[in-house]
Amino acid sequence: MFRTEVTVAPATFQLTLQDKVLTMGSCFADVIGTKLQQHKVAVLANPFGTLFNPLSVCKLLEASCGLAPDFEPHLVQNNGIWYAYDLHSSLSSPDKEQLLYHISEQLQQTGQQLQQARLLIITLGTAVAYRLRTSGLVVANCHKLPAGNFERVLLTGAEMQSAFETMYTSLKQFNPDIKLLLTVSPVRHVKETLETNSVSKALLRVLCYQLTQAHPDVHYFPAFEIMQDDLRDYRFYKEDMLHPTEVAENYIWDKFARAYYTLEFQQFIREWDNMRRALHHRSFNPTSEAHKNFLRSTLQQLDVLAGKYKIDVSAEKALLQQQLSTT
């Protein structure tokens, strides 16, 4: 035995294919969100873009519960483009009013998802944050503005826990039935130095532990531990030696699905993965009768899966029908 496998026990709650999910936080929230989307789960993944520090995540979740602050004072213009300090740079616009409208739309969409979701996944990236020197407020993104505008700080456990508790109260009033799943991103932040990254991840891990101890409906998924201990080999990292490879992501996804989803959904994953491989199949001879029969058979299998699991396969059917019409 040359590895230490991290065993994730089945959760006390089990999600189904029909349960809605929201993911928020670092790029690992995108990874899980994308996997859920690929498997037909009604998930809203990182609606405000990548967010690394817990304070920014909590602020936007609170705002989505209907407690939206005035975002206009938090807008900044750089090279003709307007940005929001509280959001990722991907949410920007040359027009200030258009950006404010877009923020309002995102808050409304996120609020609707939160109200109906059974699970909120929060992935925490780092406890290192940046404060505006003019106001002292923590920003989610510096938007490549001069470094002198910001003070780099290590958030304390107390202020992170306080932000979470405030958000948690608002969230449970908004949707009393929602459950929270916390995880620490396995992506290392080496620009903070490895030493600071270790302290940062330790603070986040302690925060998760304290919150799960304080609230029965707050849970923890050990993505960080799986990457650091179970997959502790550089072959599971991309070329930057920071981000997990697709193999590692799939391994972590499998652990996640087995712990938090019903056996029926796990069966669906296996069947749908086979279907996805069929959908991505590229024939050496696309005009052949054999390939046409393959497309027709795949269409029939899609209808069977749609009826069995009550899923929308219109996009997949349109793709196959288009291929049939052009062969």
C-alpha atoms as a PDB file:
ATOM      1  CA  MET A   1       0.000   0.000   0.000  1.00  0.00           C
ATOM      2  CA  PHE A   2       1.715   3.172  -1.205  1.00  0.00           C
ATOM      3  CA  ARG A   3      -0.972   5.752  -0.542  1.00  0.00           C
ATOM      4  CA  THR A   4      -3.347   6.899   2.171  1.00  0.00           C
ATOM      5  CA  GLU A   5      -6.861   6.925   0.793  1.00  0.00           C
ATOM      6  CA  VAL A   6      -9.247   9.515   2.187  1.00  0.00           C
ATOM      7  CA  THR A   7     -12.562   7.837   2.898  1.00  0.00           C
ATOM      8  CA  VAL A   8     -15.606  10.106   2.715  1.00  0.00           C
ATOM      9  CA  ALA A   9     -18.568   8.632   4.595  1.00  0.00           C
ATOM     10  CA  PRO A  10     -22.038   8.940   3.028  1.00  0.00           C
ATOM     11  CA  ALA A  11     -23.724  12.130   4.220  1.00  0.00           C
ATOM     12  CA  THR A  12     -26.753  12.103   6.472  1.00  0.00           C
ATOM     13  CA  PHE A  13     -28.653  13.739   3.592  1.00  0.00           C
ATOM     14  CA  GLN A  14     -28.675  12.359   0.048  1.00  0.00           C
ATOM     15  CA  LEU A  15     -29.221  14.550  -2.993  1.00  0.00           C
ATOM     16  CA  THR A  16     -31.163  13.521  -6.095  1.00  0.00           C
ATOM     17  CA  LEU A  17     -30.843  14.528  -9.732  1.00  0.00           C
ATOM     18  CA  GLN A  18     -33.738  16.950  -9.252  1.00  0.00           C
ATOM     19  CA  ASP A  19     -32.219  18.865  -6.291  1.00  0.00           C
ATOM     20  CA  LYS A  20     -30.938  22.354  -7.134  1.00  0.00           C
ATOM     21  CA  VAL A  21     -27.418  23.378  -6.100  1.00  0.00           C
ATOM     22  CA  LEU A  22     -25.449  26.630  -5.907  1.00  0.00           C
ATOM     23  CA  THR A  23     -21.651  26.774  -5.840  1.00  0.00           C
ATOM     24  CA  MET A  24     -19.669  29.812  -4.718  1.00  0.00           C
ATOM     25  CA  GLY A  25     -16.007  30.553  -4.137  1.00  0.00           C
ATOM     26  CA  SER A  26     -12.666  29.722  -5.686  1.00  0.00           C
ATOM     27  CA  CYS A  27     -12.025  28.013  -9.024  1.00  0.00           C
ATOM     28  CA  PHE A  28     -12.695  24.644  -7.393  1.00  0.00           C
ATOM     29  CA  ALA A  29     -16.345  25.739  -7.089  1.00  0.00           C
ATOM     30  CA  ASP A  30     -16.277  25.989 -10.890  1.00  0.00           C
ATOM     31  CA  VAL A  31     -14.879  22.455 -11.149  1.00  0.00           C
ATOM     32  CA  ILE A  32     -17.659  20.919  -9.038  1.00  0.00           C
ATOM     33  CA  GLY A  33     -20.263  23.181 -10.661  1.00  0.00           C
ATOM     34  CA  THR A  34     -19.179  22.125 -14.149  1.00  0.00           C
ATOM     35  CA  LYS A  35     -19.304  18.435 -13.206  1.00  0.00           C
ATOM     36  CA  LEU A  36     -22.836  18.891 -11.878  1.00  0.00           C
ATOM     37  CA  GLN A  37     -23.892  20.747 -15.038  1.00  0.00           C
ATOM     38  CA  GLN A  38     -22.440  17.991 -17.209  1.00  0.00           C
ATOM     39  CA  HIS A  39     -24.587  15.510 -15.296  1.00  0.00           C
ATOM     40  CA  LYS A  40     -27.842  17.420 -15.729  1.00  0.00           C
ATOM     41  CA  VAL A  41     -28.096  18.857 -12.205  1.00  0.00           C
ATOM     42  CA  ALA A  42     -29.829  22.251 -11.988  1.00  0.00           C
ATOM     43  CA  VAL A  43     -26.776  24.058 -10.627  1.00  0.00           C
ATOM     44  CA  LEU A  44     -25.770  27.706 -10.649  1.00  0.00           C
ATOM     45  CA  ALA A  45     -21.970  27.778 -10.575  1.00  0.00           C
ATOM     46  CA  ASN A  46     -20.050  30.821  -9.336  1.00  0.00           C
ATOM     47  CA  PRO A  47     -22.525  33.450 -10.579  1.00  0.00           C
ATOM     48  CA  PHE A  48     -20.214  36.301  -9.496  1.00  0.00           C
ATOM     49  CA  GLY A  49     -17.050  34.769 -10.891  1.00  0.00           C
ATOM     50  CA  THR A  50     -14.144  33.336  -8.948  1.00  0.00           C
ATOM     51  CA  LEU A  51     -14.039  34.538  -5.341  1.00  0.00           C
ATOM     52  CA  PHE A  52     -11.133  33.572  -3.113  1.00  0.00           C
ATOM     53  CA  ASN A  53     -11.623  35.030   0.362  1.00  0.00           C
ATOM     54  CA  PRO A  54     -14.502  34.113   2.723  1.00  0.00           C
ATOM     55  CA  LEU A  55     -15.555  37.711   3.437  1.00  0.00           C
ATOM     56  CA  SER A  56     -16.323  38.427  -0.220  1.00  0.00           C
ATOM     57  CA  VAL A  57     -18.234  35.157  -0.579  1.00  0.00           C
ATOM     58  CA  CYS A  58     -20.337  35.892   2.502  1.00  0.00           C
ATOM     59  CA  LYS A  59     -21.054  39.459   1.398  1.00  0.00           C
ATOM     60  CA  LEU A  60     -22.455  38.378  -1.971  1.00  0.00           C
ATOM     61  CA  LEU A  61     -24.490  35.550  -0.465  1.00  0.00           C
ATOM     62  CA  GLU A  62     -26.036  38.000   1.985  1.00  0.00           C
ATOM     63  CA  ALA A  63     -26.774  40.394  -0.857  1.00  0.00           C
ATOM     64  CA  SER A  64     -28.450  37.564  -2.791  1.00  0.00           C
ATOM     65  CA  CYS A  65     -30.752  36.960   0.173  1.00  0.00           C
ATOM     66  CA  GLY A  66     -32.216  40.414  -0.414  1.00  0.00           C
ATOM     67  CA  LEU A  67     -29.828  42.437   1.742  1.00  0.00           C
ATOM     68  CA  ALA A  68     -28.060  44.037  -1.216  1.00  0.00           C
ATOM     69  CA  PRO A  69     -25.821  46.998  -0.362  1.00  0.00           C
ATOM     70  CA  ASP A  70     -25.366  49.946  -2.689  1.00  0.00           C
ATOM     71  CA  PHE A  71     -22.764  48.620  -5.123  1.00  0.00           C
ATOM     72  CA  GLU A  72     -22.228  51.926  -6.928  1.00  0.00           C
ATOM     73  CA  PRO A  73     -19.617  53.252  -4.450  1.00  0.00           C
ATOM     74  CA  HIS A  74     -17.733  49.974  -4.957  1.00  0.00           C
ATOM     75  CA  LEU A  75     -17.329  50.472  -8.717  1.00  0.00           C
ATOM     76  CA  VAL A  76     -14.055  51.578 -10.255  1.00  0.00           C
ATOM     77  CA  GLN A  77     -13.046  52.519 -13.788  1.00  0.00           C
ATOM     78  CA  ASN A  78      -9.791  51.311 -15.293  1.00  0.00           C
ATOM     79  CA  ASN A  79      -8.760  51.803 -18.940  1.00  0.00           C
ATOM     80  CA  GLY A  80     -12.310  52.677 -19.937  1.00  0.00           C
ATOM     81  CA  ILE A  81     -13.874  49.596 -18.300  1.00  0.00           C
ATOM     82  CA  TRP A  82     -16.017  49.612 -15.164  1.00  0.00           C
ATOM     83  CA  TYR A  83     -15.415  46.943 -12.529  1.00  0.00           C
ATOM     84  CA  ALA A  84     -16.923  46.085  -9.136  1.00  0.00           C
ATOM     85  CA  TYR A  85     -14.499  45.555  -6.276  1.00  0.00           C
ATOM     86  CA  ASP A  86     -16.855  42.887  -4.912  1.00  0.00           C
ATOM     87  CA  LEU A  87     -16.951  40.782  -8.094  1.00  0.00           C
ATOM     88  CA  HIS A  88     -14.566  39.026 -10.444  1.00  0.00           C
ATOM     89  CA  SER A  89     -13.153  40.951 -13.437  1.00  0.00           C
ATOM     90  CA  SER A  90     -15.245  38.831 -15.826  1.00  0.00           C
ATOM     91  CA  LEU A  91     -18.254  40.830 -14.648  1.00  0.00           C
ATOM     92  CA  SER A  92     -17.386  44.220 -16.105  1.00  0.00           C
ATOM     93  CA  SER A  93     -18.688  46.695 -18.687  1.00  0.00           C
ATOM     94  CA  PRO A  94     -17.664  49.853 -20.564  1.00  0.00           C
ATOM     95  CA  ASP A  95     -20.929  51.347 -19.269  1.00  0.00           C
ATOM     96  CA  LYS A  96     -21.375  51.965 -15.543  1.00  0.00           C
ATOM     97  CA  GLU A  97     -25.169  51.694 -15.557  1.00  0.00           C
ATOM     98  CA  GLN A  98     -25.022  48.487 -17.568  1.00  0.00           C
ATOM     99  CA  LEU A  99     -22.677  46.974 -14.988  1.00  0.00           C
ATOM    100  CA  LEU A 100     -25.008  47.940 -12.134  1.00  0.00           C
ATOM    101  CA  TYR A 101     -27.919  46.384 -14.033  1.00  0.00           C
ATOM    102  CA  HIS A 102     -25.895  43.208 -14.619  1.00  0.00           C
ATOM    103  CA  ILE A 103     -25.013  42.999 -10.906  1.00  0.00           C
ATOM    104  CA  SER A 104     -28.695  43.390 -10.030  1.00  0.00           C
ATOM    105  CA  GLU A 105     -29.599  40.598 -12.469  1.00  0.00           C
ATOM    106  CA  GLN A 106     -26.975  38.278 -11.005  1.00  0.00           C
ATOM    107  CA  LEU A 107     -28.176  38.970  -7.470  1.00  0.00           C
ATOM    108  CA  GLN A 108     -31.758  38.225  -8.471  1.00  0.00           C
ATOM    109  CA  GLN A 109     -30.808  35.003 -10.285  1.00  0.00           C
ATOM    110  CA  THR A 110     -28.647  33.858  -7.379  1.00  0.00           C
ATOM    111  CA  GLY A 111     -31.402  34.684  -4.909  1.00  0.00           C
ATOM    112  CA  GLN A 112     -33.909  32.591  -6.859  1.00  0.00           C
ATOM    113  CA  GLN A 113     -31.492  29.662  -6.931  1.00  0.00           C
ATOM    114  CA  LEU A 114     -30.745  30.020  -3.206  1.00  0.00           C
ATOM    115  CA  GLN A 115     -34.435  30.034  -2.358  1.00  0.00           C
ATOM    116  CA  GLN A 116     -34.984  26.725  -4.175  1.00  0.00           C
ATOM    117  CA  ALA A 117     -31.611  25.033  -3.647  1.00  0.00           C
ATOM    118  CA  ARG A 118     -31.156  22.081  -1.343  1.00  0.00           C
ATOM    119  CA  LEU A 119     -27.386  22.544  -1.153  1.00  0.00           C
ATOM    120  CA  LEU A 120     -24.972  25.480  -1.158  1.00  0.00           C
ATOM    121  CA  ILE A 121     -21.329  24.563  -1.784  1.00  0.00           C
ATOM    122  CA  ILE A 122     -18.765  27.133  -0.634  1.00  0.00           C
ATOM    123  CA  THR A 123     -15.157  26.596  -1.661  1.00  0.00           C
ATOM    124  CA  LEU A 124     -12.692  28.733   0.271  1.00  0.00           C
ATOM    125  CA  GLY A 125      -9.478  29.612  -1.547  1.00  0.00           C
ATOM    126  CA  THR A 126      -7.377  31.774   0.741  1.00  0.00           C
ATOM    127  CA  ALA A 127      -7.434  33.771   3.974  1.00  0.00           C
ATOM    128  CA  VAL A 128      -5.145  36.356   2.359  1.00  0.00           C
ATOM    129  CA  ALA A 129      -7.152  39.399   1.287  1.00  0.00           C
ATOM    130  CA  TYR A 130      -6.697  42.953   0.087  1.00  0.00           C
ATOM    131  CA  ARG A 131      -8.170  46.014   1.758  1.00  0.00           C
ATOM    132  CA  LEU A 132      -8.735  49.331   0.027  1.00  0.00           C
ATOM    133  CA  ARG A 133      -6.531  51.858   1.779  1.00  0.00           C
ATOM    134  CA  THR A 134      -9.170  54.564   1.303  1.00  0.00           C
ATOM    135  CA  SER A 135     -11.985  52.670   3.030  1.00  0.00           C
ATOM    136  CA  GLY A 136     -10.458  49.624   4.732  1.00  0.00           C
ATOM    137  CA  LEU A 137     -12.989  47.364   2.981  1.00  0.00           C
ATOM    138  CA  VAL A 138     -11.916  43.933   1.779  1.00  0.00           C
ATOM    139  CA  VAL A 139     -12.172  43.569  -2.006  1.00  0.00           C
ATOM    140  CA  ALA A 140     -12.831  40.401  -3.970  1.00  0.00           C
ATOM    141  CA  ASN A 141     -10.601  41.536  -6.833  1.00  0.00           C
ATOM    142  CA  CYS A 142      -8.018  44.291  -7.328  1.00  0.00           C
ATOM    143  CA  HIS A 143      -8.700  44.444 -11.100  1.00  0.00           C
ATOM    144  CA  LYS A 144      -4.993  45.112 -11.845  1.00  0.00           C
ATOM    145  CA  LEU A 145      -5.138  48.540 -10.221  1.00  0.00           C
ATOM    146  CA  PRO A 146      -1.943  49.929  -8.633  1.00  0.00           C
ATOM    147  CA  ALA A 147      -0.759  47.783  -5.715  1.00  0.00           C
ATOM    148  CA  GLY A 148      -0.386  50.925  -3.596  1.00  0.00           C
ATOM    149  CA  ASN A 149      -4.184  51.242  -3.513  1.00  0.00           C
ATOM    150  CA  PHE A 150      -4.429  48.110  -1.371  1.00  0.00           C
ATOM    151  CA  GLU A 151      -3.133  46.649   1.862  1.00  0.00           C
ATOM    152  CA  ARG A 152      -2.425  42.926   1.826  1.00  0.00           C
ATOM    153  CA  VAL A 153      -3.739  41.280   5.013  1.00  0.00           C
ATOM    154  CA  LEU A 154      -4.189  37.836   6.519  1.00  0.00           C
ATOM    155  CA  LEU A 155      -7.777  37.587   7.718  1.00  0.00           C
ATOM    156  CA  THR A 156      -8.231  36.378  11.263  1.00  0.00           C
ATOM    157  CA  GLY A 157     -10.342  33.373  12.188  1.00  0.00           C
ATOM    158  CA  ALA A 158     -12.604  35.611  14.261  1.00  0.00           C
ATOM    159  CA  GLU A 159     -13.492  38.008  11.442  1.00  0.00           C
ATOM    160  CA  MET A 160     -14.067  35.170   8.979  1.00  0.00           C
ATOM    161  CA  GLN A 161     -16.304  33.338  11.432  1.00  0.00           C
ATOM    162  CA  SER A 162     -18.223  36.528  12.217  1.00  0.00           C
ATOM    163  CA  ALA A 163     -18.869  37.144   8.506  1.00  0.00           C
ATOM    164  CA  PHE A 164     -20.062  33.576   8.054  1.00  0.00           C
ATOM    165  CA  GLU A 165     -22.388  33.657  11.071  1.00  0.00           C
ATOM    166  CA  THR A 166     -24.006  36.881   9.848  1.00  0.00           C
ATOM    167  CA  MET A 167     -24.485  35.397   6.382  1.00  0.00           C
ATOM    168  CA  TYR A 168     -25.711  32.089   7.808  1.00  0.00           C
ATOM    169  CA  THR A 169     -28.463  33.808   9.802  1.00  0.00           C
ATOM    170  CA  SER A 170     -29.721  35.635   6.705  1.00  0.00           C
ATOM    171  CA  LEU A 171     -29.483  32.512   4.561  1.00  0.00           C
ATOM    172  CA  LYS A 172     -31.469  30.310   6.950  1.00  0.00           C
ATOM    173  CA  GLN A 173     -34.200  32.948   7.177  1.00  0.00           C
ATOM    174  CA  PHE A 174     -34.257  33.043   3.371  1.00  0.00           C
ATOM    175  CA  ASN A 175     -34.272  29.247   2.922  1.00  0.00           C
ATOM    176  CA  PRO A 176     -34.589  27.319   6.202  1.00  0.00           C
ATOM    177  CA  ASP A 177     -34.126  23.942   4.482  1.00  0.00           C
ATOM    178  CA  ILE A 178     -30.871  24.635   2.672  1.00  0.00           C
ATOM    179  CA  LYS A 179     -27.738  22.730   3.688  1.00  0.00           C
ATOM    180  CA  LEU A 180     -24.185  24.052   3.390  1.00  0.00           C
ATOM    181  CA  LEU A 181     -21.139  22.141   2.269  1.00  0.00           C
ATOM    182  CA  LEU A 182     -17.771  23.754   2.937  1.00  0.00           C
ATOM    183  CA  THR A 183     -14.512  22.795   1.324  1.00  0.00           C
ATOM    184  CA  VAL A 184     -11.002  24.232   1.190  1.00  0.00           C
ATOM    185  CA  SER A 185      -9.617  24.576  -2.310  1.00  0.00           C
ATOM    186  CA  PRO A 186      -6.690  22.218  -2.992  1.00  0.00           C
ATOM    187  CA  VAL A 187      -5.146  24.844  -5.302  1.00  0.00           C
ATOM    188  CA  ARG A 188      -2.007  26.319  -3.721  1.00  0.00           C
ATOM    189  CA  HIS A 189      -1.525  30.102  -3.740  1.00  0.00           C
ATOM    190  CA  VAL A 190       2.241  30.296  -4.149  1.00  0.00           C
ATOM    191  CA  LYS A 191       2.262  34.010  -4.960  1.00  0.00           C
ATOM    192  CA  GLU A 192       1.589  34.435  -1.245  1.00  0.00           C
ATOM    193  CA  THR A 193       4.690  32.249  -0.610  1.00  0.00           C
ATOM    194  CA  LEU A 194       4.339  28.620   0.385  1.00  0.00           C
ATOM    195  CA  GLU A 195       4.748  29.533   4.059  1.00  0.00           C
ATOM    196  CA  THR A 196       1.859  32.018   3.963  1.00  0.00           C
ATOM    197  CA  ASN A 197      -0.216  29.620   1.887  1.00  0.00           C
ATOM    198  CA  SER A 198       0.182  26.997   4.629  1.00  0.00           C
ATOM    199  CA  VAL A 199      -0.974  29.438   7.300  1.00  0.00           C
ATOM    200  CA  SER A 200      -3.862  30.558   5.088  1.00  0.00           C
ATOM    201  CA  LYS A 201      -5.095  27.041   4.390  1.00  0.00           C
ATOM    202  CA  ALA A 202      -4.773  26.166   8.081  1.00  0.00           C
ATOM    203  CA  LEU A 203      -6.954  29.145   9.039  1.00  0.00           C
ATOM    204  CA  LEU A 204      -9.578  28.118   6.495  1.00  0.00           C
ATOM    205  CA  ARG A 205      -9.536  24.509   7.655  1.00  0.00           C
ATOM    206  CA  VAL A 206      -9.975  25.549  11.300  1.00  0.00           C
ATOM    207  CA  LEU A 207     -12.821  27.848  10.242  1.00  0.00           C
ATOM    208  CA  CYS A 208     -14.589  24.956   8.489  1.00  0.00           C
ATOM    209  CA  TYR A 209     -14.123  22.753  11.531  1.00  0.00           C
ATOM    210  CA  GLN A 210     -15.571  25.350  13.901  1.00  0.00           C
ATOM    211  CA  LEU A 211     -18.568  25.987  11.656  1.00  0.00           C
ATOM    212  CA  THR A 212     -19.401  22.305  11.239  1.00  0.00           C
ATOM    213  CA  GLN A 213     -19.192  21.865  15.006  1.00  0.00           C
ATOM    214  CA  ALA A 214     -21.508  24.830  15.578  1.00  0.00           C
ATOM    215  CA  HIS A 215     -24.172  24.003  12.964  1.00  0.00           C
ATOM    216  CA  PRO A 216     -25.597  20.510  12.232  1.00  0.00           C
ATOM    217  CA  ASP A 217     -26.572  21.520   8.691  1.00  0.00           C
ATOM    218  CA  VAL A 218     -23.062  22.749   7.795  1.00  0.00           C
ATOM    219  CA  HIS A 219     -20.877  19.962   6.419  1.00  0.00           C
ATOM    220  CA  TYR A 220     -17.300  19.605   5.183  1.00  0.00           C
ATOM    221  CA  PHE A 221     -16.001  17.822   2.095  1.00  0.00           C
ATOM    222  CA  PRO A 222     -12.252  17.033   2.261  1.00  0.00           C
ATOM    223  CA  ALA A 223     -11.151  18.036  -1.248  1.00  0.00           C
ATOM    224  CA  PHE A 224      -8.046  19.619   0.263  1.00  0.00           C
ATOM    225  CA  GLU A 225      -7.112  16.464   2.159  1.00  0.00           C
ATOM    226  CA  ILE A 226      -7.782  14.230  -0.849  1.00  0.00           C
ATOM    227  CA  MET A 227      -5.373  16.284  -2.948  1.00  0.00           C
ATOM    228  CA  GLN A 228      -2.737  16.754  -0.250  1.00  0.00           C
ATOM    229  CA  ASP A 229      -2.695  13.229   1.178  1.00  0.00           C
ATOM    230  CA  ASP A 230      -4.501  10.779  -1.077  1.00  0.00           C
ATOM    231  CA  LEU A 231      -3.088  12.217  -4.343  1.00  0.00           C
ATOM    232  CA  ARG A 232       0.194  13.570  -2.968  1.00  0.00           C
ATOM    233  CA  ASP A 233       2.149  13.217  -6.204  1.00  0.00           C
ATOM    234  CA  TYR A 234       2.998  15.857  -8.810  1.00  0.00           C
ATOM    235  CA  ARG A 235       1.593  13.651 -11.569  1.00  0.00           C
ATOM    236  CA  PHE A 236      -1.826  14.757 -10.306  1.00  0.00           C
ATOM    237  CA  TYR A 237      -0.975  18.440 -10.863  1.00  0.00           C
ATOM    238  CA  LYS A 238      -1.069  20.414 -14.094  1.00  0.00           C
ATOM    239  CA  GLU A 239       2.081  21.938 -15.567  1.00  0.00           C
ATOM    240  CA  ASP A 240       1.842  24.934 -13.211  1.00  0.00           C
ATOM    241  CA  MET A 241       2.208  22.469 -10.298  1.00  0.00           C
ATOM    242  CA  LEU A 242      -0.673  24.253  -8.576  1.00  0.00           C
ATOM    243  CA  HIS A 243      -3.956  23.069 -10.092  1.00  0.00           C
ATOM    244  CA  PRO A 244      -5.254  19.484 -10.088  1.00  0.00           C
ATOM    245  CA  THR A 245      -5.230  17.587 -13.375  1.00  0.00           C
ATOM    246  CA  GLU A 246      -8.421  16.312 -14.968  1.00  0.00           C
ATOM    247  CA  VAL A 247      -7.623  12.873 -13.537  1.00  0.00           C
ATOM    248  CA  ALA A 248      -7.457  14.354 -10.022  1.00  0.00           C
ATOM    249  CA  GLU A 249     -10.634  16.378 -10.555  1.00  0.00           C
ATOM    250  CA  ASN A 250     -12.503  13.284 -11.717  1.00  0.00           C
ATOM    251  CA  TYR A 251     -11.249  11.317  -8.716  1.00  0.00           C
ATOM    252  CA  ILE A 252     -12.427  14.037  -6.306  1.00  0.00           C
ATOM    253  CA  TRP A 253     -15.733  14.339  -8.169  1.00  0.00           C
ATOM    254  CA  ASP A 254     -16.321  10.595  -7.763  1.00  0.00           C
ATOM    255  CA  LYS A 255     -15.686  10.860  -4.010  1.00  0.00           C
ATOM    256  CA  PHE A 256     -18.112  13.789  -3.833  1.00  0.00           C
ATOM    257  CA  ALA A 257     -20.900  12.098  -5.790  1.00  0.00           C
ATOM    258  CA  ARG A 258     -20.633   8.863  -3.793  1.00  0.00           C
ATOM    259  CA  ALA A 259     -20.891  10.756  -0.499  1.00  0.00           C
ATOM    260  CA  TYR A 260     -23.689  13.223  -1.235  1.00  0.00           C
ATOM    261  CA  TYR A 261     -25.876  11.677  -3.939  1.00  0.00           C
ATOM    262  CA  THR A 262     -28.323   8.775  -3.992  1.00  0.00           C
ATOM    263  CA  LEU A 263     -27.474   5.387  -5.491  1.00  0.00           C
ATOM    264  CA  GLU A 264     -29.914   6.172  -8.302  1.00  0.00           C
ATOM    265  CA  PHE A 265     -27.926   9.290  -9.225  1.00  0.00           C
ATOM    266  CA  GLN A 266     -24.684   7.331  -9.130  1.00  0.00           C
ATOM    267  CA  GLN A 267     -26.259   4.849 -11.549  1.00  0.00           C
ATOM    268  CA  PHE A 268     -27.323   7.779 -13.722  1.00  0.00           C
ATOM    269  CA  ILE A 269     -23.730   9.072 -13.735  1.00  0.00           C
ATOM    270  CA  ARG A 270     -22.485   5.788 -15.180  1.00  0.00           C
ATOM    271  CA  GLU A 271     -25.194   5.693 -17.862  1.00  0.00           C
ATOM    272  CA  TRP A 272     -24.845   9.372 -18.722  1.00  0.00           C
ATOM    273  CA  ASP A 273     -21.046   9.173 -18.963  1.00  0.00           C
ATOM    274  CA  ASN A 274     -21.496   6.409 -21.549  1.00  0.00           C
ATOM    275  CA  MET A 275     -23.945   8.641 -23.399  1.00  0.00           C
ATOM    276  CA  ARG A 276     -21.560  11.605 -23.294  1.00  0.00           C
ATOM    277  CA  ARG A 277     -18.835   9.444 -24.825  1.00  0.00           C
ATOM    278  CA  ALA A 278     -21.248   8.455 -27.593  1.00  0.00           C
ATOM    279  CA  LEU A 279     -22.178  12.092 -28.187  1.00  0.00           C
ATOM    280  CA  HIS A 280     -18.514  13.044 -28.547  1.00  0.00           C
ATOM    281  CA  HIS A 281     -17.738  10.129 -30.854  1.00  0.00           C
ATOM    282  CA  ARG A 282     -16.242  11.214 -34.177  1.00  0.00           C
ATOM    283  CA  SER A 283     -16.509   8.757 -37.032  1.00  0.00           C
ATOM    284  CA  PHE A 284     -13.732   8.233 -39.581  1.00  0.00           C
ATOM    285  CA  ASN A 285     -16.497   7.906 -42.179  1.00  0.00           C
ATOM    286  CA  PRO A 286     -19.411  10.135 -41.109  1.00  0.00           C
ATOM    287  CA  THR A 287     -21.389   9.475 -44.323  1.00  0.00           C
ATOM    288  CA  SER A 288     -21.410   5.704 -43.885  1.00  0.00           C
ATOM    289  CA  GLU A 289     -24.605   3.793 -43.188  1.00  0.00           C
ATOM    290  CA  ALA A 290     -22.967   2.317 -40.075  1.00  0.00           C
ATOM    291  CA  HIS A 291     -22.452   5.794 -38.626  1.00  0.00           C
ATOM    292  CA  LYS A 292     -26.033   6.788 -39.449  1.00  0.00           C
ATOM    293  CA  ASN A 293     -27.270   3.691 -37.619  1.00  0.00           C
ATOM    294  CA  PHE A 294     -25.043   4.639 -34.659  1.00  0.00           C
ATOM    295  CA  LEU A 295     -26.619   8.130 -34.553  1.00  0.00           C
ATOM    296  CA  ARG A 296     -30.151   6.688 -34.727  1.00  0.00           C
ATOM    297  CA  SER A 297     -29.365   4.209 -31.955  1.00  0.00           C
ATOM    298  CA  THR A 298     -27.914   6.987 -29.800  1.00  0.00           C
ATOM    299  CA  LEU A 299     -31.080   9.043 -30.316  1.00  0.00           C
ATOM    300  CA  GLN A 300     -33.178   6.114 -29.124  1.00  0.00           C
ATOM    301  CA  GLN A 301     -30.971   5.664 -26.065  1.00  0.00           C
ATOM    302  CA  LEU A 302     -31.337   9.380 -25.295  1.00  0.00           C
ATOM    303  CA  ASP A 303     -35.125   9.031 -25.294  1.00  0.00           C
ATOM    304  CA  VAL A 304     -34.854   6.064 -22.925  1.00  0.00           C
ATOM    305  CA  LEU A 305     -32.645   8.022 -20.499  1.00  0.00           C
ATOM    306  CA  ALA A 306     -34.909  11.080 -20.728  1.00  0.00           C
ATOM    307  CA  GLY A 307     -37.930   8.989 -19.776  1.00  0.00           C
ATOM    308  CA  LYS A 308     -36.131   7.038 -17.072  1.00  0.00           C
ATOM    309  CA  TYR A 309     -34.557   9.994 -15.275  1.00  0.00           C
ATOM    310  CA  LYS A 310     -36.904  12.854 -16.292  1.00  0.00           C
ATOM    311  CA  ILE A 311     -34.141  14.954 -17.866  1.00  0.00           C
ATOM    312  CA  ASP A 312     -34.131  17.425 -20.749  1.00  0.00           C
ATOM    313  CA  VAL A 313     -32.084  16.052 -23.655  1.00  0.00           C
ATOM    314  CA  SER A 314     -33.288  18.471 -26.342  1.00  0.00           C
ATOM    315  CA  ALA A 315     -29.829  19.971 -26.889  1.00  0.00           C
ATOM    316  CA  GLU A 316     -28.226  16.542 -27.290  1.00  0.00           C
ATOM    317  CA  LYS A 317     -30.960  15.366 -29.663  1.00  0.00           C
ATOM    318  CA  ALA A 318     -30.590  18.499 -31.779  1.00  0.00           C
ATOM    319  CA  LEU A 319     -26.856  17.829 -32.089  1.00  0.00           C
ATOM    320  CA  LEU A 320     -27.417  14.257 -33.249  1.00  0.00           C
ATOM    321  CA  GLN A 321     -30.223  15.222 -35.632  1.00  0.00           C
ATOM    322  CA  GLN A 322     -28.015  17.881 -37.161  1.00  0.00           C
ATOM    323  CA  GLN A 323     -25.318  15.275 -37.769  1.00  0.00           C
ATOM    324  CA  LEU A 324     -27.882  12.950 -39.365  1.00  0.00           C
ATOM    325  CA  SER A 325     -29.151  15.691 -41.679  1.00  0.00           C
ATOM    326  CA  THR A 326     -25.655  16.502 -42.925  1.00  0.00           C
ATOM    327  CA  THR A 327     -24.530  12.916 -43.578  1.00  0.00           C
END
